[in-house]
Amino acid sequence: MGGLRVDLSGAEIRVDPAGGAAADDGGSPPVFLPRQPAAPPLLALDIGGTLIKLVYTASCGGGGAELRFAKFERRRMQECFDFVRAQGLVHRNGSTMGSSKENIALKASGGGAYKYTEDFREKLGVCLDKVDEMDSVVSGANFLLQSVPGAAFTHMNGKKSSVDISPNNLFPYLLVNIGSGVSILKVTGNRKFERVTGTHIGGGTMFGLAKLLTGCKSYDEFLQLSQKGDNFVLDLIVKDICGELVCQKQGLSTSTLASSFGKVITSKKKLTDYRPEDLASTLLSAFTYNIAQISFLVASILRLRRVFFGGSYIRGHKSTMQNISYAIDFWSQSKMQAVFLQHEGYLGALGALMSYGDSGDKNMNLEEMKEEENIHESATPIDETSTDEHNDGNIFPYLLVNIGSGVSMIEVTGNGKFERIIGSHLGGGTILGLARLLTGCSSYDEFLELSQRGNNLAVDLTVGDIYGEHGYPKIGLPASTTAASFGKVSSSRLSEYKVEDLAAALLNSFTYNIGQIAYFVANLSGLKRIFFRGAYICGHEKTMDKISHSLKSKGQVQTTFLCHEGFLGTLGAFWSYENMGIDGLAAHDVIREVLLGAPYTGQLPSLPLTHQQDNGEDTTFEGEVERLRHDNAVLKAELERLQRENTELKAKLVKSGKPNTFYH
């Protein structure tokens, strides 16, 4: 095995005589290696959560060799075995890569390299020489960016443009690898990187939900459906909420996406009433924008301007790249650019192939992974935050996260001083919209009740499902960590899944996503306190616990849930009458107590909100609400009395023959 080596010098993308790249994978053209011997052939694999990716060398005639690419769904592993045999990469007697005497191991990356070792031994008679997944992904990306001209490109406004990357000016950069889940890495050199964060809302989430909502059988079929659909059929835009006049006043585009799947909430349509194409388009826009937003926030925190996107779920798909590019450009105000790679789905397999002949190469087992888990520590700006002691006498500044149909994040610096920083289209409207389509629930309360009885692990893919019971200790991911929400969905038959489990998975994925984005925004803005409010929290303990969990390991950020959060919009409007001359309400103290009083501290029910009246007596917020309800009942009774008198008077006028002078 030590004699096998891959020579990548002089690599170039192979172009066919017609002028296009000749691709055996439909999107990943061969790479010509002029100095690589054609024999023996080399093979490396990346076995992920949903796909098996292969990179292998093959004779191309006239000297040198080609790197070729192939992929298979993991559930169809036998097809992968058949392909390897058919290409002559493994002989029938079990020997590999042209050797009849020696059983040479295949280089393999990804969690499946651990989980499916025995399958490869049994079916192909080979063992898998494990290479760390993150090491392989970074090595593969660096190879393409440093050694393959034309491998990097942008895709903006429907135009694909090649990007020239100078090897001397490549580092540092952010690498966003979109697989079943998403890993985000800061790369500072060859074999020098930090996994700074990740999200379990990735390609596996899109594909899993696409199966349930559209009945598609493959991810490529989902992408084809999305090309023919219109996401505005299901998405709520700003104009739907505010109207055009308010949009103009706030400087918002009327077509800005406010809430993915938000229109489903008020619609009487069932899942079968929607076109699969529109559902697919909505899914694609929802999750590609979300991945781009998280990538932008992380790059901003790390002060990186160069963001590369890789992973098997991009597939060279135009709408996917367009959505990501537009979002990065929009949020960065054109200061950042999304860059894609020709062979984005094969970074791990490429890196594994490059490890042939490494002097320090050895078969890595899980115990060795544990010993090396501190090699690539998470970047301090993302996962740790130093904070001063909180001064309870001054709660400003803080981040106020309002969870409505969408999510708004507002920096509050003082009484009446605030600025909306950013928002997310994946909010309460998305949760309830998807819940209605998937579970048939009629209300948010019903959805919450369903989620309480469900088990998200029935449909969510965990790190343990990919790597086995030990998880991925090198980067600190235990087996129980969610790797891809809805990533375990294998059937397109919705009836095969319990509505309770689907509800639990929805709540788990989107509440965690809201908490994660809120943390990034607070970190970027230098804020140490985050307050959550909005009608979609509704004092629901499980919702708050999941948001808290998403922030638990994020340093010393203080997280608070506001009492009576669903009513704060009305109360805020009431107290704003101070600006109209009603200044006898001690507005500074009252606003502070209304917005920040009686926070949720993990004990239900919440404490009552109180403030001092002029007579020195304490009045609870609940008492005030009860008084208003009483006054409302009195007014309602008075209105009913006046209506009765009006009816009686009209009847007397008709009876007397006098003209009716009442107008309605």
Foldseek 3Di string as FASTA:
>chain_A
DLPDAFQQAPKEQDADPVGHADAPALFFGKIWRQPGFQALKAKEWEDELFKIKIWMWHDDPPGGIIIHIDMDTPVPVVVVLVVCVVRQQADPVLDGRPDPPDNDAHEYEFQVLQVCQVVCCVSRVHGYQYDYQVLLLLQLVLCCLDHYAQFKWAAEPNDIGGDNHHNVPCPFEWEWAAELWIWIWTDGDNSDIAGADTAQAGLLQLVLVLLQLQVDQDLVVLLVLQVPADQVVQFDFPCNPPNPVVCVVVVHDRRHTAAQSLNLLPDPDESVVDHSSNVSNSSLLQRLLLSLLVQLLVCLLVVHQEYEYAADSPSVRNVSSHSSQVNNCVLVVNSHGYMYGSHRHCSNRNSSSNCRNPPPRGRDDPVNLLVQLPVHAHDCLWQADDDDDDDVVDPPFEWEWAADSWIWIKTDGAVVDIDTNDIHNHGPSVLVSSLCHLPVDNDLVVLLVLQVPAALVVQFQFQCNRNNQQGRNSHDGGRRHGNHQSSRNNHSHSVVDDSSNVSNSSLLRRLLSSLSSNLSVCSSVVHQEYEYAYPSPVVRLVSVVSSCVSCVRRHRRHYWYAPPRHCLVVVVVVLVCVVVVPVPPVSRVVNCQRRPNQTDDNDPPTDWGWDADPVRDIDTPVNVVVVVVVVVVVVVVVVVVVVVVVVVVVVVCVVVVHDDPDDD
